[in-house]
């Protein structure tokens, strides 16, 4: 085998390895939180989100009752701003209903800002509706980035 052929083979193998590493990294970095939270039930996700918010500097964090919560799961403050947060741990994109719940709950709890926080993405109509109603949307990628910023475990140990 010629040296030129050997060099081409070695370069090809290196390129394939680099592509494989890049693919695995971007796949993990770009995925929504659905895989990170696949074993969590709704209330467990809400508790995790409360811990995450505390790690991000939110205070006066209060979880609302598991039922009859008026569409809000977490109340929190940060820098003098009150937040009413609806948490959704879903396997599919979040739709308009969650936006409606956050909007109504924000007013019920007299919060300044309504938020829907999820492990997933949002449907296009949900995004448009949230924009119209001034509801913040924290999708799975946003939540995963929050987790990485504070170095919380991506899953609670059982």
Protein backbone atom coordinates (compact mmCIF):
# COMPACT_ATOMS: atom_id res chain seq x y z
CA UNK A 1 0.00 0.00 0.00
CA UNK A 2 1.30 3.42 -0.91
CA UNK A 3 1.93 6.06 1.72
CA UNK A 4 -0.55 8.40 0.00
CA UNK A 5 -3.33 5.81 0.24
CA UNK A 6 -2.51 5.18 3.89
CA UNK A 7 -2.60 8.90 4.68
CA UNK A 8 -5.99 9.24 2.93
CA UNK A 9 -7.39 6.30 4.93
CA UNK A 10 -6.10 7.74 8.24
CA UNK A 11 -7.54 11.18 7.43
CA UNK A 12 -10.85 9.58 6.48
CA UNK A 13 -11.02 7.66 9.76
CA UNK A 14 -10.21 10.82 11.75
CA UNK A 15 -12.93 12.75 9.90
CA UNK A 16 -15.47 9.98 10.60
CA UNK A 17 -14.56 9.97 14.30
CA UNK A 18 -14.88 13.75 14.49
CA UNK A 19 -18.25 13.62 12.74
CA UNK A 20 -19.49 10.94 15.13
CA UNK A 21 -18.39 12.98 18.17
CA UNK A 22 -19.98 16.12 16.74
CA UNK A 23 -23.24 14.25 16.01
CA UNK A 24 -23.45 12.82 19.53
CA UNK A 25 -22.67 16.19 21.12
CA UNK A 26 -25.19 18.17 19.07
CA UNK A 27 -27.82 15.50 19.56
CA UNK A 28 -27.46 15.70 23.33
CA UNK A 29 -27.12 19.49 23.46
CA UNK A 30 -29.99 20.17 21.09
CA UNK A 31 -32.59 17.77 22.38
CA UNK A 32 -35.56 18.90 24.36
CA UNK A 33 -35.89 17.89 27.96
CA UNK A 34 -38.32 15.08 27.15
CA UNK A 35 -35.57 12.46 27.47
CA UNK A 36 -34.10 14.02 30.60
CA UNK A 37 -37.44 13.90 32.39
CA UNK A 38 -38.99 10.82 30.82
CA UNK A 39 -39.39 9.03 34.17
CA UNK A 40 -40.86 12.00 36.03
CA UNK A 41 -44.50 12.41 36.94
CA UNK A 42 -46.09 15.86 36.89
CA UNK A 43 -45.65 16.74 40.57
CA UNK A 44 -42.07 15.46 40.59
CA UNK A 45 -41.33 17.70 37.58
CA UNK A 46 -42.89 20.66 39.43
CA UNK A 47 -40.69 19.98 42.48
CA UNK A 48 -37.61 19.74 40.27
CA UNK A 49 -38.52 23.02 38.57
CA UNK A 50 -38.89 24.66 42.01
CA UNK A 51 -35.38 23.52 42.94
CA UNK A 52 -34.07 24.75 39.61
CA UNK A 53 -35.65 28.17 40.12
CA UNK A 54 -34.12 28.40 43.60
CA UNK A 55 -30.72 27.58 42.11
CA UNK A 56 -31.24 30.35 39.54
CA UNK A 57 -31.82 32.98 42.25
CA UNK A 58 -35.60 33.01 42.49
CA UNK A 59 -36.98 33.41 46.00
CA UNK A 60 -40.30 33.19 47.85
CA UNK A 61 -40.87 29.99 45.88
CA UNK A 62 -44.19 28.39 46.69
CA UNK A 63 -45.75 25.34 45.13
CA UNK A 64 -49.50 25.57 44.78
CA UNK A 65 -51.75 22.65 45.79
CA UNK A 66 -51.62 19.63 43.50
CA UNK A 67 -55.27 20.21 42.56
CA UNK A 68 -57.39 23.37 42.45
CA UNK A 69 -54.27 25.38 41.66
CA UNK A 70 -56.02 27.78 39.24
CA UNK A 71 -53.61 26.83 36.48
CA UNK A 72 -50.39 27.64 38.32
CA UNK A 73 -47.94 25.19 39.87
CA UNK A 74 -45.20 27.49 41.20
CA UNK A 75 -45.15 31.05 42.47
CA UNK A 76 -41.76 32.74 42.67
CA UNK A 77 -40.12 36.15 42.79
CA UNK A 78 -36.91 37.44 41.30
CA UNK A 79 -35.56 40.97 41.35
CA UNK A 80 -38.88 42.34 42.62
CA UNK A 81 -40.90 40.63 39.86
CA UNK A 82 -43.51 38.01 40.69
CA UNK A 83 -43.90 34.95 38.46
CA UNK A 84 -46.79 32.49 38.16
CA UNK A 85 -45.48 29.32 36.50
CA UNK A 86 -47.43 26.48 34.91
CA UNK A 87 -45.28 23.33 34.60
CA UNK A 88 -45.95 20.73 31.91
CA UNK A 89 -44.00 17.48 31.75
CA UNK A 90 -45.29 16.07 28.46
CA UNK A 91 -44.25 13.64 25.78
CA UNK A 92 -45.65 15.88 23.01
CA UNK A 93 -45.49 19.62 22.29
CA UNK A 94 -47.51 21.82 24.64
CA UNK A 95 -50.63 23.44 23.21
CA UNK A 96 -52.87 26.42 23.81
CA UNK A 97 -54.58 25.08 26.95
CA UNK A 98 -51.41 25.56 29.03
CA UNK A 99 -51.18 29.17 27.84
CA UNK A 100 -54.78 29.77 28.89
CA UNK A 101 -54.08 28.25 32.30
CA UNK A 102 -50.98 30.39 32.85
CA UNK A 103 -52.81 33.53 31.75
CA UNK A 104 -55.77 32.93 34.08
CA UNK A 105 -53.58 31.78 36.97
CA UNK A 106 -51.28 34.78 36.67
CA UNK A 107 -54.24 37.07 37.26
CA UNK A 108 -55.68 34.89 40.01
CA UNK A 109 -52.42 35.00 41.98
CA UNK A 110 -51.77 38.69 41.13
CA UNK A 111 -48.42 37.84 39.55
CA UNK A 112 -46.66 40.19 37.17
CA UNK A 113 -45.51 37.54 34.70
CA UNK A 114 -47.07 34.27 33.60
CA UNK A 115 -44.82 31.42 32.43
CA UNK A 116 -45.28 27.96 30.97
CA UNK A 117 -42.26 25.78 31.74
CA UNK A 118 -41.94 22.42 30.01
CA UNK A 119 -39.62 19.60 29.06
CA UNK A 120 -41.01 19.80 25.51
CA UNK A 121 -41.53 22.35 22.77
CA UNK A 122 -44.68 24.37 22.08
CA UNK A 123 -47.04 24.16 19.13
CA UNK A 124 -47.02 27.08 16.71
CA UNK A 125 -50.53 28.17 17.81
CA UNK A 126 -49.42 28.05 21.46
CA UNK A 127 -46.42 30.27 20.69
CA UNK A 128 -48.62 32.76 18.82
CA UNK A 129 -51.18 32.79 21.63
CA UNK A 130 -48.51 33.24 24.31
CA UNK A 131 -47.03 36.12 22.35
CA UNK A 132 -50.45 37.77 22.14
CA UNK A 133 -51.08 37.30 25.90
CA UNK A 134 -47.51 38.13 27.00
CA UNK A 135 -46.93 34.70 28.55
CA UNK A 136 -43.28 33.56 28.71
CA UNK A 137 -42.52 30.14 27.25
CA UNK A 138 -39.65 28.15 28.71
CA UNK A 139 -39.30 25.11 26.46
CA UNK A 140 -37.23 21.98 27.03
CA UNK A 141 -34.08 23.47 25.53
CA UNK A 142 -34.40 26.54 27.76
CA UNK A 143 -34.89 24.35 30.85
CA UNK A 144 -31.91 22.15 29.94
CA UNK A 145 -29.77 25.27 29.55
CA UNK A 146 -30.93 26.48 32.98
CA UNK A 147 -29.90 23.12 34.43
CA UNK A 148 -26.46 23.32 32.85
CA UNK A 149 -25.93 26.89 34.10
CA UNK A 150 -26.44 25.87 37.72
CA UNK A 151 -25.03 22.34 37.41
CA UNK A 152 -28.10 20.64 38.91
CA UNK A 153 -28.39 16.93 38.22
CA UNK A 154 -30.46 16.40 35.09
CA UNK A 155 -32.60 13.88 36.94
CA UNK A 156 -33.43 13.42 40.56
CA UNK A 157 -31.98 10.26 42.04
CA UNK A 158 -34.69 7.92 43.20
